[in-house]
N, C-alpha and C. Protein backbone atom coordinates (compact mmCIF):
# COMPACT_ATOMS: atom_id res chain seq x y z
N MET A 1 -34.72 -5.88 6.93
CA MET A 1 -34.98 -4.75 6.06
C MET A 1 -36.25 -4.05 6.56
N THR A 2 -36.17 -2.74 6.62
CA THR A 2 -37.33 -1.98 7.10
C THR A 2 -38.42 -1.95 6.04
N THR A 3 -39.60 -1.65 6.49
CA THR A 3 -40.74 -1.56 5.57
C THR A 3 -40.51 -0.49 4.52
N LEU A 4 -39.95 0.64 4.95
CA LEU A 4 -39.69 1.73 3.99
C LEU A 4 -38.71 1.29 2.92
N VAL A 5 -37.64 0.61 3.33
CA VAL A 5 -36.64 0.15 2.35
C VAL A 5 -37.28 -0.86 1.40
N ALA A 6 -38.09 -1.74 1.92
CA ALA A 6 -38.78 -2.72 1.07
C ALA A 6 -39.70 -2.02 0.07
N GLN A 7 -40.39 -0.99 0.52
CA GLN A 7 -41.28 -0.24 -0.39
C GLN A 7 -40.47 0.49 -1.46
N LEU A 8 -39.36 1.10 -1.04
CA LEU A 8 -38.51 1.80 -2.01
C LEU A 8 -37.95 0.83 -3.04
N GLU A 9 -37.51 -0.32 -2.56
CA GLU A 9 -36.96 -1.32 -3.46
C GLU A 9 -38.02 -1.78 -4.46
N SER A 10 -39.21 -2.04 -3.98
CA SER A 10 -40.31 -2.48 -4.85
C SER A 10 -40.61 -1.43 -5.91
N GLU A 11 -40.66 -0.17 -5.50
CA GLU A 11 -40.93 0.91 -6.46
C GLU A 11 -39.78 1.10 -7.44
N ALA A 12 -38.56 1.00 -6.93
CA ALA A 12 -37.38 1.19 -7.79
C ALA A 12 -37.32 0.13 -8.88
N LEU A 13 -37.73 -1.09 -8.56
CA LEU A 13 -37.70 -2.15 -9.56
C LEU A 13 -38.73 -1.94 -10.67
N LYS A 14 -39.68 -1.07 -10.46
CA LYS A 14 -40.70 -0.75 -11.48
C LYS A 14 -40.22 0.34 -12.44
N LEU A 15 -39.12 0.99 -12.14
CA LEU A 15 -38.62 2.09 -12.96
C LEU A 15 -38.12 1.59 -14.31
N LYS A 16 -38.08 2.51 -15.26
CA LYS A 16 -37.48 2.21 -16.56
C LYS A 16 -35.96 2.12 -16.36
N PRO A 17 -35.28 1.42 -17.26
CA PRO A 17 -33.83 1.26 -17.11
C PRO A 17 -33.08 2.58 -16.93
N ALA A 18 -33.41 3.59 -17.70
CA ALA A 18 -32.70 4.88 -17.57
C ALA A 18 -32.95 5.51 -16.21
N GLU A 19 -34.17 5.34 -15.70
CA GLU A 19 -34.48 5.87 -14.38
C GLU A 19 -33.73 5.11 -13.29
N LYS A 20 -33.59 3.80 -13.46
CA LYS A 20 -32.82 2.99 -12.50
C LYS A 20 -31.36 3.42 -12.49
N ILE A 21 -30.82 3.68 -13.67
CA ILE A 21 -29.43 4.14 -13.76
C ILE A 21 -29.27 5.47 -13.04
N HIS A 22 -30.18 6.38 -13.29
CA HIS A 22 -30.10 7.69 -12.63
C HIS A 22 -30.18 7.53 -11.12
N LEU A 23 -31.13 6.75 -10.63
CA LEU A 23 -31.28 6.54 -9.19
C LEU A 23 -30.02 5.90 -8.61
N THR A 24 -29.47 4.93 -9.31
CA THR A 24 -28.25 4.27 -8.85
C THR A 24 -27.10 5.26 -8.74
N GLU A 25 -26.95 6.11 -9.76
CA GLU A 25 -25.87 7.11 -9.74
C GLU A 25 -26.04 8.08 -8.57
N VAL A 26 -27.27 8.51 -8.33
CA VAL A 26 -27.52 9.45 -7.23
C VAL A 26 -27.20 8.79 -5.90
N LEU A 27 -27.65 7.55 -5.71
CA LEU A 27 -27.40 6.86 -4.44
C LEU A 27 -25.90 6.60 -4.23
N LEU A 28 -25.23 6.13 -5.27
CA LEU A 28 -23.80 5.86 -5.14
C LEU A 28 -23.00 7.13 -4.88
N SER A 29 -23.34 8.21 -5.57
CA SER A 29 -22.59 9.45 -5.36
C SER A 29 -22.81 10.00 -3.96
N SER A 30 -23.95 9.69 -3.36
CA SER A 30 -24.19 10.16 -1.99
C SER A 30 -23.31 9.43 -0.99
N LEU A 31 -22.81 8.25 -1.36
CA LEU A 31 -21.92 7.48 -0.48
C LEU A 31 -20.46 7.86 -0.68
N ASP A 32 -20.13 8.40 -1.83
CA ASP A 32 -18.74 8.65 -2.20
C ASP A 32 -18.36 10.10 -1.94
N LYS A 33 -18.30 10.49 -0.69
CA LYS A 33 -17.91 11.85 -0.32
C LYS A 33 -16.47 11.81 0.19
N PRO A 34 -15.53 12.33 -0.58
CA PRO A 34 -14.14 12.28 -0.14
C PRO A 34 -13.90 13.14 1.09
N ASP A 35 -13.01 12.68 1.93
CA ASP A 35 -12.59 13.43 3.11
C ASP A 35 -11.58 14.47 2.63
N GLU A 36 -11.94 15.74 2.76
CA GLU A 36 -11.08 16.82 2.25
C GLU A 36 -9.69 16.80 2.88
N ALA A 37 -9.61 16.47 4.16
CA ALA A 37 -8.31 16.42 4.84
C ALA A 37 -7.43 15.33 4.24
N VAL A 38 -8.02 14.18 3.96
CA VAL A 38 -7.26 13.07 3.35
C VAL A 38 -6.85 13.44 1.93
N GLU A 39 -7.77 14.04 1.18
CA GLU A 39 -7.45 14.45 -0.19
C GLU A 39 -6.29 15.44 -0.20
N GLN A 40 -6.29 16.38 0.75
CA GLN A 40 -5.21 17.36 0.83
C GLN A 40 -3.89 16.69 1.17
N LYS A 41 -3.92 15.72 2.07
CA LYS A 41 -2.69 14.99 2.43
C LYS A 41 -2.12 14.26 1.22
N TRP A 42 -3.00 13.63 0.42
CA TRP A 42 -2.52 12.95 -0.78
C TRP A 42 -1.95 13.95 -1.79
N ALA A 43 -2.57 15.10 -1.93
CA ALA A 43 -2.06 16.12 -2.85
C ALA A 43 -0.70 16.62 -2.37
N ASP A 44 -0.57 16.86 -1.07
CA ASP A 44 0.71 17.32 -0.51
C ASP A 44 1.80 16.27 -0.72
N GLU A 45 1.46 15.01 -0.48
CA GLU A 45 2.44 13.92 -0.65
C GLU A 45 2.84 13.80 -2.12
N SER A 46 1.89 13.93 -3.00
CA SER A 46 2.18 13.87 -4.43
C SER A 46 3.14 14.99 -4.84
N GLU A 47 2.88 16.20 -4.36
CA GLU A 47 3.76 17.33 -4.65
C GLU A 47 5.15 17.10 -4.07
N ARG A 48 5.22 16.57 -2.85
CA ARG A 48 6.50 16.31 -2.20
C ARG A 48 7.31 15.31 -3.02
N ARG A 49 6.66 14.24 -3.46
CA ARG A 49 7.36 13.22 -4.25
C ARG A 49 7.80 13.78 -5.60
N TYR A 50 6.97 14.59 -6.23
CA TYR A 50 7.31 15.18 -7.53
C TYR A 50 8.52 16.11 -7.39
N ARG A 51 8.51 16.96 -6.35
CA ARG A 51 9.65 17.85 -6.12
C ARG A 51 10.93 17.06 -5.86
N ALA A 52 10.83 15.99 -5.08
CA ALA A 52 12.00 15.16 -4.80
C ALA A 52 12.54 14.55 -6.09
N TYR A 53 11.66 14.11 -6.96
CA TYR A 53 12.07 13.55 -8.25
C TYR A 53 12.74 14.61 -9.11
N LYS A 54 12.10 15.79 -9.21
CA LYS A 54 12.65 16.86 -10.05
C LYS A 54 13.99 17.37 -9.51
N ASN A 55 14.17 17.35 -8.19
CA ASN A 55 15.42 17.82 -7.58
C ASN A 55 16.51 16.76 -7.59
N GLY A 56 16.18 15.55 -8.06
CA GLY A 56 17.16 14.48 -8.09
C GLY A 56 17.31 13.76 -6.76
N ASP A 57 16.45 14.04 -5.81
CA ASP A 57 16.51 13.38 -4.51
C ASP A 57 15.84 12.01 -4.53
N SER A 58 15.14 11.73 -5.59
CA SER A 58 14.43 10.46 -5.74
C SER A 58 14.52 10.06 -7.20
N LYS A 59 14.69 8.77 -7.46
CA LYS A 59 14.78 8.29 -8.83
C LYS A 59 13.52 7.52 -9.20
N GLY A 60 13.19 7.60 -10.44
CA GLY A 60 12.05 6.84 -10.94
C GLY A 60 12.46 5.40 -11.21
N ILE A 61 11.47 4.57 -11.46
CA ILE A 61 11.71 3.16 -11.78
C ILE A 61 11.25 2.96 -13.22
N PRO A 62 12.12 2.40 -14.09
CA PRO A 62 11.70 2.13 -15.47
C PRO A 62 10.48 1.21 -15.49
N LEU A 63 9.60 1.42 -16.45
CA LEU A 63 8.36 0.67 -16.52
C LEU A 63 8.60 -0.84 -16.56
N ASP A 64 9.62 -1.28 -17.30
CA ASP A 64 9.85 -2.73 -17.40
C ASP A 64 10.27 -3.34 -16.06
N GLN A 65 10.80 -2.52 -15.16
CA GLN A 65 11.13 -3.02 -13.82
C GLN A 65 9.95 -2.86 -12.87
N PHE A 66 9.10 -1.91 -13.14
CA PHE A 66 7.97 -1.64 -12.27
C PHE A 66 6.79 -2.56 -12.54
N SER A 67 6.47 -2.77 -13.82
CA SER A 67 5.25 -3.50 -14.16
C SER A 67 5.19 -4.91 -13.61
N PRO A 68 6.32 -5.66 -13.47
CA PRO A 68 6.18 -6.97 -12.83
C PRO A 68 5.68 -6.88 -11.39
N ARG A 69 5.92 -5.75 -10.72
CA ARG A 69 5.44 -5.59 -9.37
C ARG A 69 3.92 -5.49 -9.30
N LEU A 70 3.30 -5.09 -10.42
CA LEU A 70 1.85 -4.97 -10.46
C LEU A 70 1.17 -6.32 -10.52
N SER A 71 1.87 -7.34 -11.05
CA SER A 71 1.29 -8.67 -11.14
C SER A 71 1.42 -9.37 -9.80
N VAL A 72 0.30 -9.84 -9.35
CA VAL A 72 0.30 -10.53 -8.05
C VAL A 72 -0.15 -11.94 -8.24
């Protein structure tokens, strides 16, 4: 761990709980930057699947048949 990181950590631990929460949210949000190209591909795929379902080219699965697949 670098000296700067150690200093930041030491100072952060002195913060009030609300300040720690705010700092945590800011740091985490800086890591969570979605890739716009990937997001667009997921949106396109979602639209494609929805159109296929609405056009009758794809069938849905009843929840009672689907939910057991969620249990691992």
